[in-house]
């Protein structure tokens, strides 16, 4: 079942999302603000995001910009939803990286049709991230090392994904901790332990995790 996240500060709209999308056999989680959304994104990346433009605090454009600048969510399909109907508003959202723009009020059938269209398009995109002899398949959440499937925990998977997306580039320790464990990550020794475990899983592979002392780690 596909997972849809929806952000809107109007409870009535969130209720429409919950009712309509559940009826269309989607799993849906609704949020009222950016803080709730980004907290959920740290736990799981959905298949698609419905994002209202006019929000208290960080608006939809600000949220979209942050999503597109993060390697873990940069390819997340996003449909902007807004009562703003002018061409310049739609163009702004699309230029920032939105995949579609839906104007309020909208019909339930149109909403579901737009979502299905974007999901079909995203499923056609490349799901594999490969570097040397390590490959990660996002569609099945599997990792192969030297052609052999290697089981990883959730944190190991997210950590390796960031390193793969930034292969041959140094990723700072704080960046890894923030993205994998959240801003209040606590004991930093946790990262060292997980890096050590990943190194054991990569033993014998051409791909290795290098330590850049005082900075972070990189795949090389």
N, C-alpha and C. Protein backbone atom coordinates (compact mmCIF):
# COMPACT_ATOMS: atom_id res chain seq x y z
N UNK A 1 0.84 -1.19 0.00
CA UNK A 1 0.00 0.00 0.00
C UNK A 1 0.88 1.25 0.00
N UNK A 2 0.62 2.17 -0.93
CA UNK A 2 1.41 3.38 -1.05
C UNK A 2 1.13 4.32 0.11
N UNK A 3 2.20 4.97 0.60
CA UNK A 3 2.08 5.89 1.72
C UNK A 3 2.09 7.33 1.22
N UNK A 4 1.07 8.09 1.59
CA UNK A 4 0.96 9.49 1.22
C UNK A 4 1.05 10.35 2.47
N UNK A 5 1.91 11.37 2.45
CA UNK A 5 1.93 12.38 3.50
C UNK A 5 1.19 13.61 2.98
N UNK A 6 0.44 14.28 3.84
CA UNK A 6 -0.29 15.48 3.45
C UNK A 6 -0.12 16.55 4.52
N UNK A 7 0.21 17.77 4.11
CA UNK A 7 0.41 18.87 5.04
C UNK A 7 -0.60 19.97 4.74
N UNK A 8 -1.44 20.30 5.73
CA UNK A 8 -2.40 21.38 5.58
C UNK A 8 -2.79 21.85 6.97
N UNK A 9 -2.87 23.18 7.17
CA UNK A 9 -3.20 23.67 8.50
C UNK A 9 -4.70 23.74 8.76
N UNK A 10 -5.51 23.36 7.76
CA UNK A 10 -6.96 23.30 7.95
C UNK A 10 -7.38 21.86 8.28
N UNK A 11 -7.98 21.69 9.44
CA UNK A 11 -8.39 20.35 9.86
C UNK A 11 -9.39 19.73 8.89
N UNK A 12 -10.28 20.55 8.33
CA UNK A 12 -11.28 20.02 7.41
C UNK A 12 -10.64 19.43 6.16
N UNK A 13 -9.57 20.05 5.68
CA UNK A 13 -8.86 19.53 4.50
C UNK A 13 -8.13 18.25 4.85
N UNK A 14 -7.54 18.21 6.03
CA UNK A 14 -6.86 16.98 6.47
C UNK A 14 -7.85 15.83 6.58
N UNK A 15 -9.06 16.14 7.02
CA UNK A 15 -10.10 15.12 7.11
C UNK A 15 -10.47 14.60 5.72
N UNK A 16 -10.53 15.51 4.74
CA UNK A 16 -10.83 15.11 3.35
C UNK A 16 -9.74 14.18 2.84
N UNK A 17 -8.49 14.54 3.08
CA UNK A 17 -7.37 13.68 2.66
C UNK A 17 -7.49 12.29 3.29
N UNK A 18 -7.70 12.25 4.58
CA UNK A 18 -7.77 10.97 5.28
C UNK A 18 -8.88 10.09 4.74
N UNK A 19 -10.05 10.68 4.56
CA UNK A 19 -11.21 9.92 4.10
C UNK A 19 -11.04 9.49 2.64
N UNK A 20 -10.70 10.44 1.78
CA UNK A 20 -10.63 10.16 0.34
C UNK A 20 -9.50 9.20 -0.01
N UNK A 21 -8.34 9.40 0.56
CA UNK A 21 -7.19 8.57 0.19
C UNK A 21 -7.26 7.18 0.82
N UNK A 22 -7.79 7.09 2.02
CA UNK A 22 -8.00 5.77 2.61
C UNK A 22 -8.99 4.98 1.78
N UNK A 23 -10.02 5.66 1.27
CA UNK A 23 -11.01 5.00 0.42
C UNK A 23 -10.44 4.56 -0.91
N UNK A 24 -9.35 5.23 -1.33
CA UNK A 24 -8.68 4.87 -2.59
C UNK A 24 -7.54 3.88 -2.35
N UNK A 25 -7.51 3.30 -1.16
CA UNK A 25 -6.55 2.26 -0.79
C UNK A 25 -5.11 2.78 -0.69
N UNK A 26 -4.99 4.02 -0.19
CA UNK A 26 -3.69 4.56 0.16
C UNK A 26 -3.57 4.58 1.67
N UNK A 27 -2.35 4.49 2.15
CA UNK A 27 -2.09 4.77 3.56
C UNK A 27 -1.77 6.26 3.63
N UNK A 28 -2.40 7.00 4.53
CA UNK A 28 -2.22 8.44 4.56
C UNK A 28 -1.93 8.93 5.98
N UNK A 29 -0.99 9.86 6.08
CA UNK A 29 -0.69 10.52 7.35
C UNK A 29 -0.72 12.02 7.10
N UNK A 30 -1.47 12.73 7.94
CA UNK A 30 -1.65 14.17 7.77
C UNK A 30 -0.93 14.96 8.86
N UNK A 31 -0.42 16.13 8.47
CA UNK A 31 0.32 16.99 9.39
C UNK A 31 -0.16 18.43 9.22
N UNK A 32 -0.06 19.21 10.28
CA UNK A 32 -0.54 20.59 10.24
C UNK A 32 0.56 21.61 10.02
N UNK A 33 1.84 21.18 10.12
CA UNK A 33 2.94 22.14 10.00
C UNK A 33 4.22 21.46 9.56
N UNK A 34 5.23 22.26 9.27
CA UNK A 34 6.50 21.74 8.78
C UNK A 34 7.21 20.88 9.83
N UNK A 35 7.11 21.28 11.10
CA UNK A 35 7.80 20.53 12.16
C UNK A 35 7.31 19.09 12.22
N UNK A 36 6.01 18.90 12.15
CA UNK A 36 5.45 17.55 12.19
C UNK A 36 5.90 16.75 10.98
N UNK A 37 5.90 17.39 9.80
CA UNK A 37 6.30 16.70 8.58
C UNK A 37 7.74 16.23 8.65
N UNK A 38 8.66 17.13 8.98
CA UNK A 38 10.08 16.76 8.96
C UNK A 38 10.42 15.74 10.04
N UNK A 39 9.69 15.75 11.13
CA UNK A 39 9.87 14.72 12.15
C UNK A 39 9.50 13.36 11.58
N UNK A 40 8.40 13.31 10.82
CA UNK A 40 7.96 12.04 10.21
C UNK A 40 8.90 11.60 9.11
N UNK A 41 9.45 12.55 8.35
CA UNK A 41 10.38 12.21 7.26
C UNK A 41 11.65 11.54 7.76
N UNK A 42 12.02 11.85 9.00
CA UNK A 42 13.21 11.21 9.56
C UNK A 42 12.97 9.73 9.83
N UNK A 43 11.70 9.37 10.04
CA UNK A 43 11.36 7.97 10.32
C UNK A 43 11.08 7.19 9.04
N UNK A 44 10.40 7.84 8.09
CA UNK A 44 10.05 7.14 6.85
C UNK A 44 9.77 8.14 5.74
N UNK A 45 10.25 7.84 4.54
CA UNK A 45 9.98 8.67 3.37
C UNK A 45 8.74 8.11 2.67
N UNK A 46 7.72 8.93 2.43
CA UNK A 46 6.50 8.43 1.79
C UNK A 46 6.68 8.25 0.28
N UNK A 47 5.65 7.77 -0.36
CA UNK A 47 5.69 7.62 -1.82
C UNK A 47 5.33 8.92 -2.52
N UNK A 48 4.60 9.81 -1.82
CA UNK A 48 4.22 11.10 -2.39
C UNK A 48 3.81 12.04 -1.28
N UNK A 49 4.01 13.35 -1.52
CA UNK A 49 3.65 14.37 -0.55
C UNK A 49 2.66 15.36 -1.16
N UNK A 50 1.55 15.60 -0.44
CA UNK A 50 0.60 16.67 -0.78
C UNK A 50 0.95 17.84 0.12
N UNK A 51 1.25 18.99 -0.46
CA UNK A 51 1.80 20.10 0.32
C UNK A 51 1.03 21.40 0.07
N UNK A 52 0.38 21.89 1.11
CA UNK A 52 -0.33 23.17 1.02
C UNK A 52 0.68 24.31 0.96
N UNK A 53 0.37 25.35 0.22
CA UNK A 53 1.27 26.49 0.09
C UNK A 53 1.17 27.42 1.30
N UNK A 54 -0.05 27.77 1.67
CA UNK A 54 -0.26 28.78 2.72
C UNK A 54 -0.34 28.12 4.09
N UNK A 55 0.80 28.09 4.78
CA UNK A 55 0.90 27.49 6.11
C UNK A 55 1.44 28.51 7.09
N UNK A 56 1.08 28.36 8.35
CA UNK A 56 1.67 29.19 9.39
C UNK A 56 3.13 28.80 9.56
N UNK A 57 3.99 29.76 9.88
CA UNK A 57 5.41 29.45 10.03
C UNK A 57 6.06 29.27 8.67
N UNK A 58 6.74 28.17 8.47
CA UNK A 58 7.37 27.88 7.18
C UNK A 58 6.27 27.51 6.18
N UNK A 59 6.19 28.26 5.06
CA UNK A 59 5.12 27.96 4.09
C UNK A 59 5.53 26.81 3.17
N UNK A 60 4.62 26.45 2.27
CA UNK A 60 4.86 25.31 1.40
C UNK A 60 6.07 25.46 0.52
N UNK A 61 6.32 26.68 0.04
CA UNK A 61 7.50 26.91 -0.80
C UNK A 61 8.78 26.67 -0.01
N UNK A 62 8.81 27.11 1.24
CA UNK A 62 9.98 26.89 2.09
C UNK A 62 10.20 25.42 2.37
N UNK A 63 9.12 24.69 2.62
CA UNK A 63 9.21 23.24 2.86
C UNK A 63 9.73 22.54 1.61
N UNK A 64 9.20 22.92 0.45
CA UNK A 64 9.61 22.29 -0.80
C UNK A 64 11.10 22.51 -1.06
N UNK A 65 11.57 23.73 -0.80
CA UNK A 65 12.98 24.02 -1.01
C UNK A 65 13.87 23.15 -0.14
N UNK A 66 13.47 22.94 1.11
CA UNK A 66 14.26 22.10 2.01
C UNK A 66 14.23 20.64 1.56
N UNK A 67 13.08 20.18 1.09
CA UNK A 67 12.95 18.80 0.62
C UNK A 67 13.85 18.56 -0.59
N UNK A 68 13.87 19.50 -1.51
CA UNK A 68 14.67 19.33 -2.73
C UNK A 68 16.17 19.47 -2.48
N UNK A 69 16.55 20.10 -1.38
CA UNK A 69 17.97 20.27 -1.07
C UNK A 69 18.54 19.14 -0.22
N UNK A 70 17.67 18.21 0.18
CA UNK A 70 18.10 17.07 1.01
C UNK A 70 18.20 15.82 0.13
N UNK A 71 19.35 15.18 0.14
CA UNK A 71 19.57 14.02 -0.73
C UNK A 71 18.60 12.88 -0.45
N UNK A 72 18.10 12.78 0.77
CA UNK A 72 17.20 11.68 1.11
C UNK A 72 15.78 11.90 0.60
N UNK A 73 15.43 13.16 0.27
CA UNK A 73 14.06 13.46 -0.17
C UNK A 73 14.01 14.21 -1.50
N UNK A 74 15.15 14.41 -2.14
CA UNK A 74 15.19 15.25 -3.34
C UNK A 74 14.34 14.71 -4.48
N UNK A 75 14.09 13.39 -4.50
CA UNK A 75 13.29 12.80 -5.58
C UNK A 75 11.86 12.48 -5.16
N UNK A 76 11.48 12.92 -3.97
CA UNK A 76 10.12 12.66 -3.47
C UNK A 76 9.10 13.40 -4.34
N UNK A 77 8.10 12.71 -4.92
CA UNK A 77 7.07 13.40 -5.70
C UNK A 77 6.24 14.32 -4.81
N UNK A 78 6.08 15.57 -5.23
CA UNK A 78 5.35 16.56 -4.44
C UNK A 78 4.28 17.23 -5.29
N UNK A 79 3.05 17.21 -4.79
CA UNK A 79 1.96 17.95 -5.42
C UNK A 79 1.62 19.12 -4.51
N UNK A 80 1.82 20.35 -5.02
CA UNK A 80 1.45 21.55 -4.26
C UNK A 80 -0.06 21.73 -4.35
N UNK A 81 -0.66 22.13 -3.23
CA UNK A 81 -2.11 22.36 -3.18
C UNK A 81 -2.34 23.75 -2.59
N UNK A 82 -3.14 24.58 -3.29
CA UNK A 82 -3.33 25.93 -2.79
C UNK A 82 -4.58 26.59 -3.36
N UNK A 83 -5.08 27.56 -2.59
CA UNK A 83 -6.19 28.39 -3.07
C UNK A 83 -5.67 29.47 -4.00
N UNK A 84 -4.34 29.64 -4.04
CA UNK A 84 -3.75 30.60 -4.96
C UNK A 84 -3.83 30.02 -6.38
N UNK A 85 -4.51 30.72 -7.26
CA UNK A 85 -4.78 30.16 -8.58
C UNK A 85 -4.11 30.92 -9.73
N UNK A 86 -3.33 31.96 -9.41
CA UNK A 86 -2.70 32.72 -10.48
C UNK A 86 -1.57 31.93 -11.13
N UNK A 87 -1.28 32.28 -12.36
CA UNK A 87 -0.23 31.58 -13.09
C UNK A 87 1.12 31.72 -12.39
N UNK A 88 1.41 32.89 -11.84
CA UNK A 88 2.71 33.11 -11.22
C UNK A 88 2.90 32.23 -9.99
N UNK A 89 1.81 31.95 -9.26
CA UNK A 89 1.90 31.06 -8.10
C UNK A 89 2.21 29.63 -8.53
N UNK A 90 1.54 29.18 -9.59
CA UNK A 90 1.78 27.83 -10.09
C UNK A 90 3.21 27.71 -10.62
N UNK A 91 3.65 28.71 -11.36
CA UNK A 91 5.00 28.70 -11.92
C UNK A 91 6.04 28.68 -10.82
N UNK A 92 5.81 29.45 -9.76
CA UNK A 92 6.76 29.49 -8.64
C UNK A 92 6.93 28.10 -8.03
N UNK A 93 5.80 27.42 -7.78
CA UNK A 93 5.88 26.08 -7.21
C UNK A 93 6.58 25.10 -8.12
N UNK A 94 6.27 25.14 -9.41
CA UNK A 94 6.89 24.23 -10.37
C UNK A 94 8.38 24.51 -10.52
N UNK A 95 8.75 25.78 -10.51
CA UNK A 95 10.16 26.13 -10.64
C UNK A 95 10.97 25.70 -9.42
N UNK A 96 10.32 25.62 -8.26
CA UNK A 96 11.01 25.17 -7.06
C UNK A 96 11.14 23.66 -6.99
N UNK A 97 10.48 22.97 -7.93
CA UNK A 97 10.63 21.52 -7.98
C UNK A 97 9.37 20.72 -7.71
N UNK A 98 8.21 21.39 -7.65
CA UNK A 98 6.96 20.64 -7.47
C UNK A 98 6.68 19.82 -8.72
N UNK A 99 6.08 18.66 -8.55
CA UNK A 99 5.75 17.80 -9.68
C UNK A 99 4.39 18.14 -10.28
N UNK A 100 3.54 18.78 -9.50
CA UNK A 100 2.21 19.15 -9.98
C UNK A 100 1.66 20.23 -9.06
N UNK A 101 0.58 20.89 -9.49
CA UNK A 101 -0.02 21.98 -8.71
C UNK A 101 -1.53 21.82 -8.80
N UNK A 102 -2.17 21.63 -7.66
CA UNK A 102 -3.61 21.42 -7.61
C UNK A 102 -4.28 22.58 -6.88
N UNK A 103 -5.28 23.18 -7.52
CA UNK A 103 -5.95 24.35 -6.95
C UNK A 103 -7.17 23.95 -6.11
N UNK A 104 -7.32 24.64 -4.97
CA UNK A 104 -8.50 24.47 -4.13
C UNK A 104 -9.61 25.38 -4.66
N UNK A 105 -10.87 24.97 -4.58
CA UNK A 105 -11.32 23.64 -4.12
C UNK A 105 -11.10 22.59 -5.22
N UNK A 106 -10.83 21.38 -4.81
CA UNK A 106 -10.57 20.30 -5.77
C UNK A 106 -11.56 19.17 -5.53
N UNK A 107 -11.78 18.38 -6.57
CA UNK A 107 -12.64 17.21 -6.44
C UNK A 107 -11.83 16.01 -6.00
N UNK A 108 -12.46 15.13 -5.26
CA UNK A 108 -11.77 13.93 -4.76
C UNK A 108 -11.26 13.06 -5.90
N UNK A 109 -12.07 12.92 -6.94
CA UNK A 109 -11.66 12.08 -8.07
C UNK A 109 -10.43 12.66 -8.77
N UNK A 110 -10.41 13.99 -8.91
CA UNK A 110 -9.24 14.63 -9.52
C UNK A 110 -8.01 14.45 -8.65
N UNK A 111 -8.17 14.60 -7.34
CA UNK A 111 -7.06 14.42 -6.41
C UNK A 111 -6.44 13.03 -6.56
N UNK A 112 -7.27 12.01 -6.53
CA UNK A 112 -6.78 10.63 -6.64
C UNK A 112 -6.14 10.40 -8.01
N UNK A 113 -6.73 10.97 -9.06
CA UNK A 113 -6.18 10.80 -10.41
C UNK A 113 -4.79 11.45 -10.52
N UNK A 114 -4.65 12.63 -9.94
CA UNK A 114 -3.34 13.32 -9.97
C UNK A 114 -2.29 12.51 -9.23
N UNK A 115 -2.67 11.98 -8.06
CA UNK A 115 -1.73 11.17 -7.28
C UNK A 115 -1.31 9.93 -8.05
N UNK A 116 -2.27 9.22 -8.61
CA UNK A 116 -1.95 8.01 -9.36
C UNK A 116 -1.04 8.31 -10.55
N UNK A 117 -1.28 9.43 -11.22
CA UNK A 117 -0.45 9.81 -12.37
C UNK A 117 0.99 10.05 -11.94
N UNK A 118 1.18 10.75 -10.83
CA UNK A 118 2.54 11.03 -10.36
C UNK A 118 3.24 9.78 -9.84
N UNK A 119 2.49 8.89 -9.21
CA UNK A 119 3.09 7.64 -8.73
C UNK A 119 3.53 6.77 -9.89
N UNK A 120 2.72 6.73 -10.95
CA UNK A 120 3.13 5.94 -12.13
C UNK A 120 4.40 6.51 -12.74
N UNK A 121 4.49 7.83 -12.77
CA UNK A 121 5.67 8.48 -13.34
C UNK A 121 6.90 8.21 -12.49
N UNK A 122 6.74 8.31 -11.17
CA UNK A 122 7.88 8.11 -10.27
C UNK A 122 8.35 6.67 -10.28
N UNK A 123 7.43 5.73 -10.48
CA UNK A 123 7.81 4.32 -10.52
C UNK A 123 8.66 4.01 -11.74
N UNK A 124 8.55 4.86 -12.74
CA UNK A 124 9.35 4.65 -13.95
C UNK A 124 10.77 5.18 -13.81
N UNK A 125 11.04 5.94 -12.72
CA UNK A 125 12.37 6.47 -12.52
C UNK A 125 13.32 5.40 -12.00
N UNK A 126 14.60 5.67 -12.14
CA UNK A 126 15.62 4.75 -11.69
C UNK A 126 15.58 4.60 -10.17
N UNK A 127 15.47 3.36 -9.70
CA UNK A 127 15.37 3.11 -8.27
C UNK A 127 16.69 2.69 -7.66
N UNK A 128 17.70 2.41 -8.49
CA UNK A 128 18.95 1.88 -7.97
C UNK A 128 20.02 2.95 -7.84
N UNK A 129 20.75 2.85 -6.72
CA UNK A 129 21.91 3.71 -6.48
C UNK A 129 23.11 2.77 -6.43
N UNK A 130 24.07 2.99 -7.30
CA UNK A 130 25.20 2.07 -7.39
C UNK A 130 26.52 2.83 -7.33
N UNK A 131 27.45 2.26 -6.58
CA UNK A 131 28.81 2.79 -6.56
C UNK A 131 29.76 1.59 -6.48
N UNK A 132 30.58 1.47 -7.51
CA UNK A 132 31.51 0.34 -7.63
C UNK A 132 30.77 -0.99 -7.46
N UNK A 133 31.05 -1.75 -6.38
CA UNK A 133 30.44 -3.07 -6.22
C UNK A 133 29.34 -3.09 -5.15
N UNK A 134 28.80 -1.89 -4.83
CA UNK A 134 27.68 -1.79 -3.88
C UNK A 134 26.48 -1.20 -4.61
N UNK A 135 25.33 -1.85 -4.47
CA UNK A 135 24.11 -1.39 -5.13
C UNK A 135 22.95 -1.38 -4.15
N UNK A 136 22.16 -0.32 -4.20
CA UNK A 136 20.99 -0.18 -3.33
C UNK A 136 19.75 -0.02 -4.20
N UNK A 137 18.76 -0.89 -3.98
CA UNK A 137 17.51 -0.82 -4.73
C UNK A 137 16.44 -0.20 -3.84
N UNK A 138 16.05 1.04 -4.15
CA UNK A 138 15.08 1.76 -3.33
C UNK A 138 13.70 1.13 -3.39
N UNK A 139 13.36 0.49 -4.52
CA UNK A 139 12.02 -0.08 -4.66
C UNK A 139 11.80 -1.28 -3.74
N UNK A 140 12.87 -2.00 -3.43
CA UNK A 140 12.76 -3.18 -2.56
C UNK A 140 13.52 -3.00 -1.25
N UNK A 141 14.22 -1.87 -1.13
CA UNK A 141 15.03 -1.57 0.05
C UNK A 141 16.04 -2.69 0.34
N UNK A 142 16.67 -3.16 -0.73
CA UNK A 142 17.69 -4.20 -0.60
C UNK A 142 19.06 -3.65 -1.01
N UNK A 143 20.10 -4.23 -0.44
CA UNK A 143 21.47 -3.81 -0.73
C UNK A 143 22.27 -5.05 -1.14
N UNK A 144 23.04 -4.92 -2.20
CA UNK A 144 23.92 -6.00 -2.61
C UNK A 144 25.36 -5.52 -2.55
N UNK A 145 26.22 -6.37 -2.02
CA UNK A 145 27.65 -6.09 -1.93
C UNK A 145 28.38 -7.19 -2.68
N UNK A 146 29.12 -6.82 -3.71
CA UNK A 146 29.81 -7.80 -4.56
C UNK A 146 28.82 -8.81 -5.14
N UNK A 147 27.62 -8.35 -5.48
CA UNK A 147 26.61 -9.20 -6.09
C UNK A 147 25.81 -10.04 -5.12
N UNK A 148 26.10 -9.94 -3.82
CA UNK A 148 25.40 -10.74 -2.82
C UNK A 148 24.51 -9.84 -1.98
N UNK A 149 23.23 -10.22 -1.82
CA UNK A 149 22.31 -9.43 -1.02
C UNK A 149 22.77 -9.41 0.44
N UNK A 150 22.82 -8.21 1.00
CA UNK A 150 23.32 -8.03 2.36
C UNK A 150 22.26 -7.35 3.21
N UNK A 151 21.75 -8.02 4.25
CA UNK A 151 20.71 -7.41 5.11
C UNK A 151 21.29 -6.29 5.96
N UNK A 152 20.54 -5.17 6.05
CA UNK A 152 20.94 -4.03 6.85
C UNK A 152 19.79 -3.63 7.77
N UNK A 153 20.14 -3.06 8.91
CA UNK A 153 19.12 -2.47 9.77
C UNK A 153 18.66 -1.15 9.14
N UNK A 154 17.58 -0.58 9.66
CA UNK A 154 17.06 0.68 9.12
C UNK A 154 18.11 1.79 9.18
N UNK A 155 18.78 1.93 10.30
CA UNK A 155 19.78 2.99 10.45
C UNK A 155 20.98 2.74 9.54
N UNK A 156 21.41 1.49 9.43
CA UNK A 156 22.51 1.16 8.53
C UNK A 156 22.15 1.51 7.09
N UNK A 157 20.91 1.19 6.72
CA UNK A 157 20.43 1.46 5.35
C UNK A 157 20.44 2.96 5.07
N UNK A 158 19.88 3.76 5.98
CA UNK A 158 19.81 5.20 5.78
C UNK A 158 21.21 5.82 5.74
N UNK A 159 22.09 5.32 6.58
CA UNK A 159 23.46 5.82 6.62
C UNK A 159 24.20 5.51 5.32
N UNK A 160 24.08 4.27 4.87
CA UNK A 160 24.74 3.87 3.63
C UNK A 160 24.16 4.63 2.43
N UNK A 161 22.85 4.88 2.45
CA UNK A 161 22.22 5.60 1.35
C UNK A 161 22.81 7.00 1.20
N UNK A 162 22.99 7.70 2.31
CA UNK A 162 23.57 9.04 2.26
C UNK A 162 24.99 8.99 1.72
N UNK A 163 25.76 8.02 2.16
CA UNK A 163 27.14 7.88 1.68
C UNK A 163 27.17 7.53 0.19
N UNK A 164 26.25 6.68 -0.26
CA UNK A 164 26.19 6.32 -1.68
C UNK A 164 25.81 7.52 -2.55
N UNK A 165 24.86 8.31 -2.07
CA UNK A 165 24.42 9.48 -2.83
C UNK A 165 25.50 10.56 -2.88
N UNK A 166 26.46 10.46 -1.97
CA UNK A 166 27.55 11.44 -1.93
C UNK A 166 28.91 10.75 -2.08
N UNK A 167 28.94 9.67 -2.86
CA UNK A 167 30.18 8.89 -3.02
C UNK A 167 31.33 9.77 -3.49
N UNK A 168 32.49 9.51 -2.89
CA UNK A 168 33.73 10.24 -3.16
C UNK A 168 33.67 11.69 -2.70
N UNK A 169 32.68 12.00 -1.87
CA UNK A 169 32.57 13.31 -1.24
C UNK A 169 32.53 13.12 0.27
N UNK A 170 33.14 14.01 1.01
CA UNK A 170 33.13 13.91 2.46
C UNK A 170 31.76 14.35 3.00
N UNK A 171 31.17 13.51 3.84
CA UNK A 171 29.92 13.85 4.51
C UNK A 171 30.25 14.10 5.98
N UNK A 172 29.92 15.28 6.46
CA UNK A 172 30.27 15.64 7.83
C UNK A 172 29.53 14.77 8.85
N UNK A 173 30.18 14.56 9.98
CA UNK A 173 29.57 13.77 11.06
C UNK A 173 28.22 14.34 11.48
N UNK A 174 28.17 15.66 11.67
CA UNK A 174 26.92 16.28 12.11
C UNK A 174 25.81 16.09 11.09
N UNK A 175 26.17 16.11 9.81
CA UNK A 175 25.18 15.91 8.75
C UNK A 175 24.59 14.50 8.84
N UNK A 176 25.45 13.52 9.02
CA UNK A 176 24.99 12.12 9.13
C UNK A 176 24.12 11.94 10.37
N UNK A 177 24.54 12.51 11.47
CA UNK A 177 23.77 12.38 12.72
C UNK A 177 22.41 13.05 12.59
N UNK A 178 22.39 14.25 12.00
CA UNK A 178 21.11 14.98 11.84
C UNK A 178 20.14 14.22 10.96
N UNK A 179 20.64 13.69 9.83
CA UNK A 179 19.75 13.07 8.84
C UNK A 179 19.30 11.67 9.26
N UNK A 180 20.14 10.95 9.97
CA UNK A 180 19.80 9.57 10.33
C UNK A 180 19.15 9.48 11.71
N UNK A 181 19.64 10.27 12.65
CA UNK A 181 19.12 10.18 14.03
C UNK A 181 18.33 11.40 14.47
N UNK A 182 18.32 12.46 13.67
CA UNK A 182 17.58 13.65 14.05
C UNK A 182 18.47 14.64 14.78
N UNK A 183 17.97 15.89 14.91
CA UNK A 183 18.77 16.96 15.49
C UNK A 183 19.14 16.69 16.94
N UNK A 184 18.28 16.02 17.69
CA UNK A 184 18.58 15.68 19.09
C UNK A 184 19.10 14.25 19.18
N UNK A 185 20.24 14.03 18.54
CA UNK A 185 20.74 12.67 18.39
C UNK A 185 21.43 12.11 19.62
N UNK A 186 21.79 12.94 20.58
CA UNK A 186 22.36 12.44 21.82
C UNK A 186 23.80 11.98 21.67
N UNK A 187 24.09 10.73 22.02
CA UNK A 187 25.45 10.19 22.05
C UNK A 187 26.01 10.02 20.64
N UNK A 188 27.09 10.76 20.32
CA UNK A 188 27.66 10.70 18.97
C UNK A 188 28.42 9.40 18.72
N UNK A 189 28.72 8.68 19.76
CA UNK A 189 29.41 7.40 19.61
C UNK A 189 28.57 6.42 18.78
N UNK A 190 27.26 6.63 18.77
CA UNK A 190 26.36 5.78 17.99
C UNK A 190 26.77 5.74 16.53
N UNK A 191 27.16 6.89 15.98
CA UNK A 191 27.58 6.95 14.57
C UNK A 191 28.81 6.09 14.34
N UNK A 192 29.79 6.18 15.22
CA UNK A 192 31.02 5.40 15.06
C UNK A 192 30.72 3.90 15.07
N UNK A 193 29.79 3.49 15.93
CA UNK A 193 29.43 2.07 16.02
C UNK A 193 28.80 1.61 14.71
N UNK A 194 27.89 2.42 14.16
CA UNK A 194 27.22 2.04 12.92
C UNK A 194 28.19 2.05 11.73
N UNK A 195 29.12 2.99 11.71
CA UNK A 195 30.13 3.00 10.66
C UNK A 195 30.99 1.74 10.75
N UNK A 196 31.33 1.37 11.96
CA UNK A 196 32.10 0.14 12.16
C UNK A 196 31.36 -1.08 11.66
N UNK A 197 30.06 -1.14 11.93
CA UNK A 197 29.25 -2.27 11.47
C UNK A 197 29.17 -2.30 9.94
N UNK A 198 29.02 -1.12 9.32
CA UNK A 198 28.97 -1.05 7.86
C UNK A 198 30.30 -1.49 7.24
N UNK A 199 31.39 -1.13 7.88
CA UNK A 199 32.71 -1.53 7.37
C UNK A 199 32.85 -3.06 7.39
N UNK A 200 32.30 -3.69 8.41
CA UNK A 200 32.35 -5.16 8.47
C UNK A 200 31.53 -5.75 7.32
N UNK A 201 30.38 -5.14 7.03
CA UNK A 201 29.53 -5.63 5.95
C UNK A 201 30.19 -5.42 4.58
N UNK A 202 31.06 -4.42 4.48
CA UNK A 202 31.74 -4.12 3.22
C UNK A 202 33.11 -4.80 3.13
N UNK A 203 33.44 -5.61 4.11
CA UNK A 203 34.74 -6.30 4.11
C UNK A 203 34.89 -7.14 2.84
N UNK A 204 35.99 -6.96 2.15
CA UNK A 204 36.22 -7.71 0.91
C UNK A 204 35.72 -7.01 -0.32
N UNK A 205 34.98 -5.92 -0.15
CA UNK A 205 34.46 -5.17 -1.29
C UNK A 205 35.46 -4.10 -1.71
N UNK A 206 35.35 -3.68 -2.98
CA UNK A 206 36.19 -2.59 -3.46
C UNK A 206 35.78 -1.28 -2.79
N UNK A 207 34.48 -1.13 -2.56
CA UNK A 207 33.95 0.06 -1.91
C UNK A 207 34.28 0.05 -0.42
N UNK A 208 34.87 1.12 0.04
CA UNK A 208 35.24 1.21 1.45
C UNK A 208 34.83 2.57 2.02
N UNK A 209 34.64 2.62 3.34
CA UNK A 209 34.31 3.86 4.02
C UNK A 209 35.59 4.43 4.62
N UNK A 210 35.96 5.61 4.15
CA UNK A 210 37.18 6.26 4.64
C UNK A 210 36.84 7.30 5.69
N UNK A 211 37.68 7.40 6.71
CA UNK A 211 37.52 8.42 7.73
C UNK A 211 38.32 9.66 7.34
N UNK A 212 37.68 10.81 7.33
CA UNK A 212 38.38 12.08 7.13
C UNK A 212 38.46 12.70 8.51
N UNK A 213 39.61 12.57 9.13
CA UNK A 213 39.77 12.89 10.54
C UNK A 213 39.32 14.31 10.87
N UNK A 214 38.46 14.38 11.88
CA UNK A 214 37.98 15.68 12.33
C UNK A 214 36.86 16.26 11.50
N UNK A 215 36.46 15.53 10.43
CA UNK A 215 35.41 16.04 9.54
C UNK A 215 34.24 15.07 9.44
N UNK A 216 34.51 13.87 8.88
CA UNK A 216 33.43 12.90 8.68
C UNK A 216 33.88 11.68 7.92
N UNK A 217 33.03 11.20 7.02
CA UNK A 217 33.30 9.95 6.30
C UNK A 217 32.96 10.10 4.82
N UNK A 218 33.55 9.20 4.02
CA UNK A 218 33.25 9.20 2.59
C UNK A 218 33.43 7.80 2.02
N UNK A 219 32.68 7.49 0.96
CA UNK A 219 32.88 6.25 0.23
C UNK A 219 33.96 6.47 -0.82
N UNK A 220 34.88 5.52 -0.93
CA UNK A 220 35.93 5.65 -1.94
C UNK A 220 36.35 4.27 -2.44
